[in-house]
PDB file of N, CA and C in Angstrom:
ATOM      1  N   MET A   1       0.836  -1.180   0.000  1.00  0.00           N
ATOM      2  CA  MET A   1       0.000   0.000   0.000  1.00  0.00           C
ATOM      3  C   MET A   1       0.882   1.244   0.000  1.00  0.00           C
ATOM      4  N   LYS A   2       0.415   2.259  -0.702  1.00  0.00           N
ATOM      5  CA  LYS A   2       1.103   3.539  -0.708  1.00  0.00           C
ATOM      6  C   LYS A   2       0.069   4.618  -0.395  1.00  0.00           C
ATOM      7  N   ILE A   3       0.384   5.483   0.546  1.00  0.00           N
ATOM      8  CA  ILE A   3      -0.498   6.594   0.890  1.00  0.00           C
ATOM      9  C   ILE A   3       0.149   7.866   0.370  1.00  0.00           C
ATOM     10  N   SER A   4      -0.619   8.643  -0.388  1.00  0.00           N
ATOM     11  CA  SER A   4      -0.097   9.893  -0.951  1.00  0.00           C
ATOM     12  C   SER A   4      -1.032  11.040  -0.629  1.00  0.00           C
ATOM     13  N   ASP A   5      -0.454  12.190  -0.428  1.00  0.00           N
ATOM     14  CA  ASP A   5      -1.279  13.388  -0.323  1.00  0.00           C
ATOM     15  C   ASP A   5      -1.516  13.915  -1.734  1.00  0.00           C
ATOM     16  N   LEU A   6      -2.338  14.935  -1.859  1.00  0.00           N
ATOM     17  CA  LEU A   6      -2.704  15.449  -3.181  1.00  0.00           C
ATOM     18  C   LEU A   6      -1.494  15.929  -3.975  1.00  0.00           C
ATOM     19  N   LEU A   7      -0.604  16.668  -3.332  1.00  0.00           N
ATOM     20  CA  LEU A   7       0.579  17.141  -4.065  1.00  0.00           C
ATOM     21  C   LEU A   7       1.449  15.976  -4.526  1.00  0.00           C
ATOM     22  N   GLY A   8       1.539  14.930  -3.712  1.00  0.00           N
ATOM     23  CA  GLY A   8       2.291  13.747  -4.122  1.00  0.00           C
ATOM     24  C   GLY A   8       1.696  13.098  -5.358  1.00  0.00           C
ATOM     25  N   LEU A   9       0.374  13.035  -5.423  1.00  0.00           N
ATOM     26  CA  LEU A   9      -0.284  12.482  -6.611  1.00  0.00           C
ATOM     27  C   LEU A   9      -0.037  13.351  -7.842  1.00  0.00           C
ATOM     28  N   ILE A  10      -0.072  14.659  -7.645  1.00  0.00           N
ATOM     29  CA  ILE A  10       0.187  15.563  -8.776  1.00  0.00           C
ATOM     30  C   ILE A  10       1.629  15.403  -9.254  1.00  0.00           C
ATOM     31  N   GLN A  11       2.556  15.277  -8.326  1.00  0.00           N
ATOM     32  CA  GLN A  11       3.951  15.087  -8.693  1.00  0.00           C
ATOM     33  C   GLN A  11       4.132  13.800  -9.497  1.00  0.00           C
ATOM     34  N   THR A  12       3.477  12.744  -9.077  1.00  0.00           N
ATOM     35  CA  THR A  12       3.551  11.477  -9.801  1.00  0.00           C
ATOM     36  C   THR A  12       2.958  11.624 -11.196  1.00  0.00           C
ATOM     37  N   TYR A  13       1.800  12.273 -11.297  1.00  0.00           N
ATOM     38  CA  TYR A  13       1.173  12.499 -12.602  1.00  0.00           C
ATOM     39  C   TYR A  13       2.109  13.289 -13.517  1.00  0.00           C
ATOM     40  N   ALA A  14       2.684  14.377 -13.004  1.00  0.00           N
ATOM     41  CA  ALA A  14       3.570  15.218 -13.807  1.00  0.00           C
ATOM     42  C   ALA A  14       4.760  14.431 -14.324  1.00  0.00           C
ATOM     43  N   LYS A  15       5.370  13.657 -13.452  1.00  0.00           N
ATOM     44  CA  LYS A  15       6.540  12.872 -13.836  1.00  0.00           C
ATOM     45  C   LYS A  15       6.173  11.783 -14.839  1.00  0.00           C
ATOM     46  N   ASP A  16       5.115  11.024 -14.558  1.00  0.00           N
ATOM     47  CA  ASP A  16       4.726   9.913 -15.429  1.00  0.00           C
ATOM     48  C   ASP A  16       4.272  10.375 -16.806  1.00  0.00           C
ATOM     49  N   ASN A  17       3.666  11.568 -16.876  1.00  0.00           N
ATOM     50  CA  ASN A  17       3.135  12.074 -18.140  1.00  0.00           C
ATOM     51  C   ASN A  17       4.004  13.160 -18.766  1.00  0.00           C
ATOM     52  N   LYS A  18       5.126  13.458 -18.103  1.00  0.00           N
ATOM     53  CA  LYS A  18       6.054  14.492 -18.579  1.00  0.00           C
ATOM     54  C   LYS A  18       5.309  15.797 -18.890  1.00  0.00           C
ATOM     55  N   ARG A  19       4.493  16.223 -17.910  1.00  0.00           N
ATOM     56  CA  ARG A  19       3.685  17.437 -18.027  1.00  0.00           C
ATOM     57  C   ARG A  19       4.027  18.353 -16.860  1.00  0.00           C
ATOM     58  N   CYS A  20       4.093  19.637 -17.119  1.00  0.00           N
ATOM     59  CA  CYS A  20       4.200  20.617 -16.052  1.00  0.00           C
ATOM     60  C   CYS A  20       2.797  20.843 -15.505  1.00  0.00           C
ATOM     61  N   CYS A  21       2.693  21.036 -14.207  1.00  0.00           N
ATOM     62  CA  CYS A  21       1.388  21.206 -13.567  1.00  0.00           C
ATOM     63  C   CYS A  21       1.430  22.376 -12.588  1.00  0.00           C
ATOM     64  N   MET A  22       0.255  22.863 -12.258  1.00  0.00           N
ATOM     65  CA  MET A  22       0.116  23.874 -11.219  1.00  0.00           C
ATOM     66  C   MET A  22      -1.118  23.528 -10.402  1.00  0.00           C
ATOM     67  N   TYR A  23      -0.925  23.448  -9.113  1.00  0.00           N
ATOM     68  CA  TYR A  23      -2.038  23.227  -8.193  1.00  0.00           C
ATOM     69  C   TYR A  23      -2.465  24.582  -7.661  1.00  0.00           C
ATOM     70  N   ILE A  24      -3.783  24.848  -7.662  1.00  0.00           N
ATOM     71  CA  ILE A  24      -4.294  26.091  -7.086  1.00  0.00           C
ATOM     72  C   ILE A  24      -5.398  25.775  -6.091  1.00  0.00           C
ATOM     73  N   SER A  25      -5.520  26.637  -5.086  1.00  0.00           N
ATOM     74  CA  SER A  25      -6.622  26.533  -4.133  1.00  0.00           C
ATOM     75  C   SER A  25      -6.971  27.928  -3.649  1.00  0.00           C
ATOM     76  N   PHE A  26      -8.222  28.080  -3.235  1.00  0.00           N
ATOM     77  CA  PHE A  26      -8.700  29.392  -2.800  1.00  0.00           C
ATOM     78  C   PHE A  26      -9.911  29.237  -1.907  1.00  0.00           C
ATOM     79  N   ASN A  27     -10.262  30.307  -1.222  1.00  0.00           N
ATOM     80  CA  ASN A  27     -11.424  30.347  -0.352  1.00  0.00           C
ATOM     81  C   ASN A  27     -12.636  30.676  -1.207  1.00  0.00           C
ATOM     82  N   ASN A  28     -13.498  29.701  -1.446  1.00  0.00           N
ATOM     83  CA  ASN A  28     -14.647  29.972  -2.301  1.00  0.00           C
ATOM     84  C   ASN A  28     -15.838  30.536  -1.521  1.00  0.00           C
ATOM     85  N   ASN A  29     -15.600  30.959  -0.272  1.00  0.00           N
ATOM     86  CA  ASN A  29     -16.632  31.658   0.487  1.00  0.00           C
ATOM     87  C   ASN A  29     -16.642  33.147   0.163  1.00  0.00           C
ATOM     88  N   LEU A  30     -15.636  33.611  -0.528  1.00  0.00           N
ATOM     89  CA  LEU A  30     -15.593  35.009  -0.950  1.00  0.00           C
ATOM     90  C   LEU A  30     -16.469  35.201  -2.176  1.00  0.00           C
ATOM     91  N   ASN A  31     -16.722  36.425  -2.512  1.00  0.00           N
ATOM     92  CA  ASN A  31     -17.436  36.744  -3.748  1.00  0.00           C
ATOM     93  C   ASN A  31     -16.633  36.163  -4.916  1.00  0.00           C
ATOM     94  N   PHE A  32     -17.261  35.306  -5.694  1.00  0.00           N
ATOM     95  CA  PHE A  32     -16.536  34.621  -6.769  1.00  0.00           C
ATOM     96  C   PHE A  32     -15.944  35.601  -7.775  1.00  0.00           C
ATOM     97  N   ARG A  33     -16.533  36.761  -7.914  1.00  0.00           N
ATOM     98  CA  ARG A  33     -15.984  37.755  -8.852  1.00  0.00           C
ATOM     99  C   ARG A  33     -14.595  38.225  -8.416  1.00  0.00           C
ATOM    100  N   GLU A  34     -14.372  38.258  -7.119  1.00  0.00           N
ATOM    101  CA  GLU A  34     -13.043  38.609  -6.609  1.00  0.00           C
ATOM    102  C   GLU A  34     -12.047  37.498  -6.936  1.00  0.00           C
ATOM    103  N   THR A  35     -12.475  36.265  -6.771  1.00  0.00           N
ATOM    104  CA  THR A  35     -11.603  35.137  -7.106  1.00  0.00           C
ATOM    105  C   THR A  35     -11.230  35.169  -8.580  1.00  0.00           C
ATOM    106  N   LEU A  36     -12.183  35.517  -9.433  1.00  0.00           N
ATOM    107  CA  LEU A  36     -11.907  35.605 -10.876  1.00  0.00           C
ATOM    108  C   LEU A  36     -10.870  36.676 -11.195  1.00  0.00           C
ATOM    109  N   LYS A  37     -10.790  37.693 -10.373  1.00  0.00           N
ATOM    110  CA  LYS A  37      -9.770  38.727 -10.581  1.00  0.00           C
ATOM    111  C   LYS A  37      -8.388  38.222 -10.175  1.00  0.00           C
ATOM    112  N   ALA A  38      -8.341  37.372  -9.147  1.00  0.00           N
ATOM    113  CA  ALA A  38      -7.066  36.832  -8.678  1.00  0.00           C
ATOM    114  C   ALA A  38      -6.579  35.670  -9.547  1.00  0.00           C
ATOM    115  N   ALA A  39      -7.516  35.016 -10.240  1.00  0.00           N
ATOM    116  CA  ALA A  39      -7.182  33.914 -11.155  1.00  0.00           C
ATOM    117  C   ALA A  39      -8.087  34.039 -12.380  1.00  0.00           C
ATOM    118  N   PRO A  40      -7.773  34.970 -13.276  1.00  0.00           N
ATOM    119  CA  PRO A  40      -8.679  35.301 -14.380  1.00  0.00           C
ATOM    120  C   PRO A  40      -8.897  34.201 -15.406  1.00  0.00           C
ATOM    121  N   TYR A  41      -8.164  33.138 -15.337  1.00  0.00           N
ATOM    122  CA  TYR A  41      -8.328  32.025 -16.272  1.00  0.00           C
ATOM    123  C   TYR A  41      -9.439  31.067 -15.839  1.00  0.00           C
ATOM    124  N   LEU A  42      -9.928  31.196 -14.606  1.00  0.00           N
ATOM    125  CA  LEU A  42     -11.027  30.346 -14.146  1.00  0.00           C
ATOM    126  C   LEU A  42     -12.344  30.787 -14.768  1.00  0.00           C
ATOM    127  N   THR A  43     -13.276  29.864 -14.901  1.00  0.00           N
ATOM    128  CA  THR A  43     -14.630  30.216 -15.326  1.00  0.00           C
ATOM    129  C   THR A  43     -15.439  30.578 -14.082  1.00  0.00           C
ATOM    130  N   GLU A  44     -16.581  31.207 -14.278  1.00  0.00           N
ATOM    131  CA  GLU A  44     -17.444  31.537 -13.146  1.00  0.00           C
ATOM    132  C   GLU A  44     -17.832  30.282 -12.382  1.00  0.00           C
ATOM    133  N   ASP A  45     -18.214  29.225 -13.090  1.00  0.00           N
ATOM    134  CA  ASP A  45     -18.600  27.982 -12.424  1.00  0.00           C
ATOM    135  C   ASP A  45     -17.461  27.428 -11.571  1.00  0.00           C
ATOM    136  N   GLN A  46     -16.255  27.473 -12.076  1.00  0.00           N
ATOM    137  CA  GLN A  46     -15.115  26.960 -11.318  1.00  0.00           C
ATOM    138  C   GLN A  46     -14.883  27.792 -10.057  1.00  0.00           C
ATOM    139  N   ALA A  47     -15.025  29.105 -10.170  1.00  0.00           N
ATOM    140  CA  ALA A  47     -14.797  29.984  -9.022  1.00  0.00           C
ATOM    141  C   ALA A  47     -15.886  29.831  -7.966  1.00  0.00           C
ATOM    142  N   ILE A  48     -17.077  29.440  -8.388  1.00  0.00           N
ATOM    143  CA  ILE A  48     -18.192  29.280  -7.458  1.00  0.00           C
ATOM    144  C   ILE A  48     -18.177  27.905  -6.805  1.00  0.00           C
ATOM    145  N   LEU A  49     -17.984  26.847  -7.588  1.00  0.00           N
ATOM    146  CA  LEU A  49     -18.234  25.490  -7.119  1.00  0.00           C
ATOM    147  C   LEU A  49     -17.090  24.843  -6.351  1.00  0.00           C
ATOM    148  N   ASP A  50     -15.905  24.949  -6.826  1.00  0.00           N
ATOM    149  CA  ASP A  50     -14.785  24.228  -6.228  1.00  0.00           C
ATOM    150  C   ASP A  50     -13.754  25.206  -5.693  1.00  0.00           C
ATOM    151  N   SER A  51     -12.864  24.694  -4.899  1.00  0.00           N
ATOM    152  CA  SER A  51     -11.852  25.578  -4.337  1.00  0.00           C
ATOM    153  C   SER A  51     -10.428  25.096  -4.592  1.00  0.00           C
ATOM    154  N   GLU A  52     -10.290  24.073  -5.422  1.00  0.00           N
ATOM    155  CA  GLU A  52      -8.948  23.635  -5.777  1.00  0.00           C
ATOM    156  C   GLU A  52      -8.965  22.935  -7.130  1.00  0.00           C
ATOM    157  N   TYR A  53      -7.857  23.142  -7.868  1.00  0.00           N
ATOM    158  CA  TYR A  53      -7.742  22.593  -9.217  1.00  0.00           C
ATOM    159  C   TYR A  53      -6.303  22.216  -9.500  1.00  0.00           C
ATOM    160  N   VAL A  54      -6.148  21.352 -10.483  1.00  0.00           N
ATOM    161  CA  VAL A  54      -4.835  21.019 -11.015  1.00  0.00           C
ATOM    162  C   VAL A  54      -4.846  21.409 -12.480  1.00  0.00           C
ATOM    163  N   LEU A  55      -3.930  22.263 -12.869  1.00  0.00           N
ATOM    164  CA  LEU A  55      -3.786  22.682 -14.256  1.00  0.00           C
ATOM    165  C   LEU A  55      -2.600  21.934 -14.843  1.00  0.00           C
ATOM    166  N   SER A  56      -2.738  21.455 -16.064  1.00  0.00           N
ATOM    167  CA  SER A  56      -1.701  20.683 -16.729  1.00  0.00           C
ATOM    168  C   SER A  56      -1.285  21.433 -17.996  1.00  0.00           C
ATOM    169  N   PHE A  57       0.019  21.513 -18.226  1.00  0.00           N
ATOM    170  CA  PHE A  57       0.540  22.342 -19.315  1.00  0.00           C
ATOM    171  C   PHE A  57       1.481  21.564 -20.232  1.00  0.00           C
ATOM    172  N   ASP A  58       1.583  22.050 -21.461  1.00  0.00           N
ATOM    173  CA  ASP A  58       2.491  21.462 -22.443  1.00  0.00           C
ATOM    174  C   ASP A  58       3.939  21.879 -22.229  1.00  0.00           C
ATOM    175  N   SER A  59       4.139  23.029 -21.562  1.00  0.00           N
ATOM    176  CA  SER A  59       5.504  23.527 -21.395  1.00  0.00           C
ATOM    177  C   SER A  59       5.647  24.295 -20.084  1.00  0.00           C
ATOM    178  N   LYS A  60       6.886  24.430 -19.660  1.00  0.00           N
ATOM    179  CA  LYS A  60       7.188  25.210 -18.463  1.00  0.00           C
ATOM    180  C   LYS A  60       6.857  26.678 -18.690  1.00  0.00           C
ATOM    181  N   ALA A  61       7.097  27.181 -19.896  1.00  0.00           N
ATOM    182  CA  ALA A  61       6.788  28.586 -20.201  1.00  0.00           C
ATOM    183  C   ALA A  61       5.286  28.855 -20.047  1.00  0.00           C
ATOM    184  N   GLU A  62       4.460  27.943 -20.552  1.00  0.00           N
ATOM    185  CA  GLU A  62       3.012  28.117 -20.415  1.00  0.00           C
ATOM    186  C   GLU A  62       2.608  28.062 -18.943  1.00  0.00           C
ATOM    187  N   MET A  63       3.190  27.152 -18.181  1.00  0.00           N
ATOM    188  CA  MET A  63       2.881  27.041 -16.760  1.00  0.00           C
ATOM    189  C   MET A  63       3.195  28.345 -16.042  1.00  0.00           C
ATOM    190  N   TYR A  64       4.368  28.913 -16.303  1.00  0.00           N
ATOM    191  CA  TYR A  64       4.742  30.142 -15.617  1.00  0.00           C
ATOM    192  C   TYR A  64       3.940  31.349 -16.101  1.00  0.00           C
ATOM    193  N   MET A  65       3.416  31.310 -17.306  1.00  0.00           N
ATOM    194  CA  MET A  65       2.521  32.367 -17.773  1.00  0.00           C
ATOM    195  C   MET A  65       1.253  32.395 -16.901  1.00  0.00           C
ATOM    196  N   TYR A  66       0.703  31.214 -16.620  1.00  0.00           N
ATOM    197  CA  TYR A  66      -0.481  31.131 -15.763  1.00  0.00           C
ATOM    198  C   TYR A  66      -0.138  31.407 -14.299  1.00  0.00           C
ATOM    199  N   PHE A  67       1.022  30.964 -13.852  1.00  0.00           N
ATOM    200  CA  PHE A  67       1.453  31.257 -12.486  1.00  0.00           C
ATOM    201  C   PHE A  67       1.515  32.758 -12.264  1.00  0.00           C
ATOM    202  N   ASP A  68       2.034  33.481 -13.256  1.00  0.00           N
ATOM    203  CA  ASP A  68       2.175  34.933 -13.133  1.00  0.00           C
ATOM    204  C   ASP A  68       0.822  35.650 -13.164  1.00  0.00           C
ATOM    205  N   LYS A  69      -0.212  34.996 -13.658  1.00  0.00           N
ATOM    206  CA  LYS A  69      -1.559  35.571 -13.657  1.00  0.00           C
ATOM    207  C   LYS A  69      -2.282  35.340 -12.331  1.00  0.00           C
ATOM    208  N   THR A  70      -1.685  34.546 -11.439  1.00  0.00           N
ATOM    209  CA  THR A  70      -2.335  34.108 -10.219  1.00  0.00           C
ATOM    210  C   THR A  70      -1.861  34.939  -9.030  1.00  0.00           C
ATOM    211  N   VAL A  71      -2.781  35.680  -8.425  1.00  0.00           N
ATOM    212  CA  VAL A  71      -2.449  36.535  -7.292  1.00  0.00           C
ATOM    213  C   VAL A  71      -2.643  35.747  -5.995  1.00  0.00           C
ATOM    214  N   GLY A  72      -1.534  35.540  -5.292  1.00  0.00           N
ATOM    215  CA  GLY A  72      -1.557  34.842  -4.015  1.00  0.00           C
ATOM    216  C   GLY A  72      -1.211  35.779  -2.883  1.00  0.00           C
ATOM    217  N   ASP A  73      -0.728  35.206  -1.781  1.00  0.00           N
ATOM    218  CA  ASP A  73      -0.377  36.021  -0.613  1.00  0.00           C
ATOM    219  C   ASP A  73       0.736  37.022  -0.898  1.00  0.00           C
ATOM    220  N   ASP A  74       1.542  36.766  -1.913  1.00  0.00           N
ATOM    221  CA  ASP A  74       2.601  37.710  -2.290  1.00  0.00           C
ATOM    222  C   ASP A  74       2.025  38.991  -2.895  1.00  0.00           C
ATOM    223  N   GLY A  75       0.750  38.980  -3.242  1.00  0.00           N
ATOM    224  CA  GLY A  75       0.098  40.163  -3.806  1.00  0.00           C
ATOM    225  C   GLY A  75       0.190  40.199  -5.320  1.00  0.00           C
ATOM    226  N   PRO A  76      -0.066  41.375  -5.880  1.00  0.00           N
ATOM    227  CA  PRO A  76      -0.101  41.522  -7.341  1.00  0.00           C
ATOM    228  C   PRO A  76       1.165  40.991  -8.011  1.00  0.00           C
ATOM    229  N   THR A  77       0.995  40.574  -9.263  1.00  0.00           N
ATOM    230  CA  THR A  77       2.112  40.011 -10.031  1.00  0.00           C
ATOM    231  C   THR A  77       2.415  40.914 -11.217  1.00  0.00           C
ATOM    232  N   GLY A  78       3.404  40.542 -11.988  1.00  0.00           N
ATOM    233  CA  GLY A  78       3.782  41.313 -13.161  1.00  0.00           C
ATOM    234  C   GLY A  78       2.668  41.420 -14.185  1.00  0.00           C
ATOM    235  N   SER A  79       1.839  40.388 -14.298  1.00  0.00           N
ATOM    236  CA  SER A  79       0.776  40.432 -15.304  1.00  0.00           C
ATOM    237  C   SER A  79      -0.630  40.486 -14.695  1.00  0.00           C
ATOM    238  N   ASN A  80      -0.733  40.564 -13.371  1.00  0.00           N
ATOM    239  CA  ASN A  80      -2.041  40.699 -12.734  1.00  0.00           C
ATOM    240  C   ASN A  80      -1.907  41.662 -11.558  1.00  0.00           C
ATOM    241  N   HIS A  81      -2.449  42.844 -11.722  1.00  0.00           N
ATOM    242  CA  HIS A  81      -2.300  43.912 -10.728  1.00  0.00           C
ATOM    243  C   HIS A  81      -3.425  43.944  -9.708  1.00  0.00           C
ATOM    244  N   TYR A  82      -4.258  42.921  -9.684  1.00  0.00           N
ATOM    245  CA  TYR A  82      -5.358  42.839  -8.725  1.00  0.00           C
ATOM    246  C   TYR A  82      -4.807  42.885  -7.299  1.00  0.00           C
ATOM    247  N   ASP A  83      -5.430  43.695  -6.441  1.00  0.00           N
ATOM    248  CA  ASP A  83      -4.972  43.817  -5.064  1.00  0.00           C
ATOM    249  C   ASP A  83      -6.161  43.844  -4.099  1.00  0.00           C
ATOM    250  N   GLY A  84      -7.166  43.026  -4.381  1.00  0.00           N
ATOM    251  CA  GLY A  84      -8.350  42.967  -3.534  1.00  0.00           C
ATOM    252  C   GLY A  84      -8.222  41.890  -2.474  1.00  0.00           C
ATOM    253  N   LYS A  85      -9.377  41.425  -1.963  1.00  0.00           N
ATOM    254  CA  LYS A  85      -9.414  40.467  -0.858  1.00  0.00           C
ATOM    255  C   LYS A  85      -9.037  39.040  -1.254  1.00  0.00           C
ATOM    256  N   ALA A  86      -9.384  38.635  -2.458  1.00  0.00           N
ATOM    257  CA  ALA A  86      -9.170  37.235  -2.854  1.00  0.00           C
ATOM    258  C   ALA A  86      -7.693  36.936  -3.065  1.00  0.00           C
ATOM    259  N   ARG A  87      -7.314  35.746  -2.648  1.00  0.00           N
ATOM    260  CA  ARG A  87      -5.971  35.240  -2.881  1.00  0.00           C
ATOM    261  C   ARG A  87      -6.096  33.797  -3.352  1.00  0.00           C
ATOM    262  N   VAL A  88      -5.308  33.435  -4.340  1.00  0.00           N
ATOM    263  CA  VAL A  88      -5.316  32.072  -4.873  1.00  0.00           C
ATOM    264  C   VAL A  88      -3.918  31.502  -4.684  1.00  0.00           C
ATOM    265  N   TYR A  89      -3.827  30.476  -3.859  1.00  0.00           N
ATOM    266  CA  TYR A  89      -2.550  29.805  -3.641  1.00  0.00           C
ATOM    267  C   TYR A  89      -2.198  29.015  -4.895  1.00  0.00           C
ATOM    268  N   ALA A  90      -0.950  29.072  -5.306  1.00  0.00           N
ATOM    269  CA  ALA A  90      -0.483  28.311  -6.465  1.00  0.00           C
ATOM    270  C   ALA A  90       0.900  27.737  -6.175  1.00  0.00           C
ATOM    271  N   VAL A  91       1.095  26.498  -6.614  1.00  0.00           N
ATOM    272  CA  VAL A  91       2.413  25.876  -6.548  1.00  0.00           C
ATOM    273  C   VAL A  91       2.640  25.168  -7.881  1.00  0.00           C
ATOM    274  N   THR A  92       3.841  25.316  -8.417  1.00  0.00           N
ATOM    275  CA  THR A  92       4.165  24.715  -9.706  1.00  0.00           C
ATOM    276  C   THR A  92       4.952  23.417  -9.502  1.00  0.00           C
ATOM    277  N   ILE A  93       4.723  22.498 -10.432  1.00  0.00           N
ATOM    278  CA  ILE A  93       5.384  21.198 -10.430  1.00  0.00           C
ATOM    279  C   ILE A  93       5.943  20.973 -11.834  1.00  0.00           C
ATOM    280  N   ASN A  94       7.244  20.744 -11.938  1.00  0.00           N
ATOM    281  CA  ASN A  94       7.832  20.572 -13.272  1.00  0.00           C
ATOM    282  C   ASN A  94       7.555  19.175 -13.826  1.00  0.00           C
ATOM    283  N   ASP A  95       7.976  18.942 -15.057  1.00  0.00           N
ATOM    284  CA  ASP A  95       7.687  17.678 -15.732  1.00  0.00           C
ATOM    285  C   ASP A  95       8.507  16.495 -15.194  1.00  0.00           C
ATOM    286  N   LYS A  96       9.356  16.755 -14.215  1.00  0.00           N
ATOM    287  CA  LYS A  96      10.086  15.687 -13.531  1.00  0.00           C
ATOM    288  C   LYS A  96       9.427  15.358 -12.192  1.00  0.00           C
ATOM    289  N   GLY A  97       8.335  16.082 -11.879  1.00  0.00           N
ATOM    290  CA  GLY A  97       7.598  15.857 -10.643  1.00  0.00           C
ATOM    291  C   GLY A  97       8.116  16.638  -9.447  1.00  0.00           C
ATOM    292  N   ASP A  98       9.017  17.588  -9.683  1.00  0.00           N
ATOM    293  CA  ASP A  98       9.583  18.381  -8.593  1.00  0.00           C
ATOM    294  C   ASP A  98       8.754  19.645  -8.360  1.00  0.00           C
ATOM    295  N   LEU A  99       8.515  19.960  -7.077  1.00  0.00           N
ATOM    296  CA  LEU A  99       7.879  21.221  -6.734  1.00  0.00           C
ATOM    297  C   LEU A  99       8.854  22.340  -7.063  1.00  0.00           C
ATOM    298  N   GLU A 100       8.359  23.427  -7.656  1.00  0.00           N
ATOM    299  CA  GLU A 100       9.258  24.514  -8.036  1.00  0.00           C
ATOM    300  C   GLU A 100       8.986  25.815  -7.293  1.00  0.00           C
ATOM    301  N   THR A 101       7.824  26.408  -7.490  1.00  0.00           N
ATOM    302  CA  THR A 101       7.564  27.753  -6.989  1.00  0.00           C
ATOM    303  C   THR A 101       6.181  27.813  -6.373  1.00  0.00           C
ATOM    304  N   GLU A 102       6.041  28.601  -5.303  1.00  0.00           N
ATOM    305  CA  GLU A 102       4.715  28.864  -4.770  1.00  0.00           C
ATOM    306  C   GLU A 102       4.581  30.368  -4.502  1.00  0.00           C
ATOM    307  N   ASN A 103       3.347  30.824  -4.506  1.00  0.00           N
ATOM    308  CA  ASN A 103       3.112  32.271  -4.387  1.00  0.00           C
ATOM    309  C   ASN A 103       2.657  32.672  -2.988  1.00  0.00           C
ATOM    310  N   THR A 104       3.399  32.256  -1.992  1.00  0.00           N
ATOM    311  CA  THR A 104       3.094  32.650  -0.616  1.00  0.00           C
ATOM    312  C   THR A 104       4.233  33.424  -0.019  1.00  0.00           C
TER     313      THR A 104
END
């Protein structure tokens, strides 16, 4: 038997499929419109219904493009100047399954 946490499963998926990934989570008790400002790539349904997602990318460059759009505890980013109440935690996982960057 093997017990894995969610990030461990994502790391395994990334490594086995040679895909870069990004895990995001947020407080969906906030006004979903605020969450959409902190993570503008989400749909309204995603911002309302769930509070965590795994994004899978073809390249590291694409992954970091989305990471830079995600406003976390570090505040506004180079490509997203939103500075409201919502924060979206993000951590990147490279195609070798290694954790790389988080926005806290």
